[in-house]
Amino acid sequence: MKASELRHKTDDELAAELNLLGKERFNLRFQRASGQLENTARVRQVRHDIARIMTILGERRRQSR
């Protein structure tokens, strides 16, 4: 997911996406712990996507002040 794609979404859409990614990260952690995780690169992708969304939300909060 690119930052330019995320910037076109509303704050509510970003919050919903952040919630979904958080759940996915939780599930991936359990899969890794139980040895069932096949795509280990997905963990890093999810972490980076979460960071991108949080960065964009933070930028918007700072601009609105």
Protein backbone atom coordinates (compact mmCIF):
# COMPACT_ATOMS: atom_id res chain seq x y z
CA MET A 1 0.00 0.00 0.00
CA LYS A 2 1.47 3.32 -1.04
CA ALA A 3 1.30 6.52 0.97
CA SER A 4 -0.18 8.36 -2.01
CA GLU A 5 -3.10 5.89 -2.02
CA LEU A 6 -3.63 6.38 1.68
CA ARG A 7 -3.66 10.18 1.43
CA HIS A 8 -6.80 10.00 -0.73
CA LYS A 9 -8.74 8.24 2.05
CA THR A 10 -10.67 9.94 4.82
CA ASP A 11 -9.68 9.72 8.48
CA ASP A 12 -12.50 7.26 9.13
CA GLU A 13 -11.36 5.01 6.29
CA LEU A 14 -7.79 5.13 7.59
CA ALA A 15 -8.93 4.26 11.11
CA ALA A 16 -10.88 1.29 9.77
CA GLU A 17 -7.86 0.14 7.76
CA LEU A 18 -5.66 0.54 10.84
CA ASN A 19 -8.06 -1.63 12.83
CA LEU A 20 -8.00 -4.37 10.18
CA LEU A 21 -4.22 -4.32 9.97
CA GLY A 22 -3.95 -4.52 13.74
CA LYS A 23 -6.10 -7.65 13.73
CA GLU A 24 -4.05 -9.13 10.91
CA ARG A 25 -0.80 -8.40 12.79
CA PHE A 26 -2.23 -10.14 15.85
CA ASN A 27 -3.15 -13.23 13.80
CA LEU A 28 0.24 -13.28 12.10
CA ARG A 29 1.98 -13.23 15.47
CA PHE A 30 0.02 -16.30 16.56
CA GLN A 31 0.74 -18.08 13.30
CA ARG A 32 4.45 -17.38 13.69
CA ALA A 33 4.47 -18.61 17.28
CA SER A 34 2.69 -21.85 16.35
CA GLY A 35 4.88 -22.44 13.30
CA GLN A 36 2.04 -22.08 10.79
CA LEU A 37 3.18 -18.84 9.15
CA GLU A 38 4.08 -19.41 5.51
CA ASN A 39 4.57 -15.86 4.23
CA THR A 40 6.98 -14.34 6.73
CA ALA A 41 7.38 -11.17 4.64
CA ARG A 42 3.73 -10.30 5.30
CA VAL A 43 4.57 -9.47 8.94
CA ARG A 44 6.93 -6.73 7.81
CA GLN A 45 4.47 -5.43 5.20
CA VAL A 46 1.71 -5.12 7.78
CA ARG A 47 4.00 -3.31 10.24
CA HIS A 48 5.06 -0.83 7.56
CA ASP A 49 1.46 -0.24 6.45
CA ILE A 50 0.45 0.46 10.05
CA ALA A 51 3.32 2.94 10.38
CA ARG A 52 2.33 4.68 7.13
CA ILE A 53 -1.27 5.11 8.25
CA MET A 54 -0.25 6.39 11.67
CA THR A 55 2.17 8.86 10.05
CA ILE A 56 -0.52 10.24 7.76
CA LEU A 57 -3.03 10.54 10.60
CA GLY A 58 -0.41 12.34 12.70
CA GLU A 59 0.36 14.76 9.88
CA ARG A 60 -3.33 15.56 9.51
CA ARG A 61 -3.71 16.17 13.24
CA ARG A 62 -0.74 18.54 13.25
CA GLN A 63 -2.09 20.45 10.25
CA SER A 64 -5.51 20.93 11.82
CA ARG A 65 -4.06 22.71 14.88
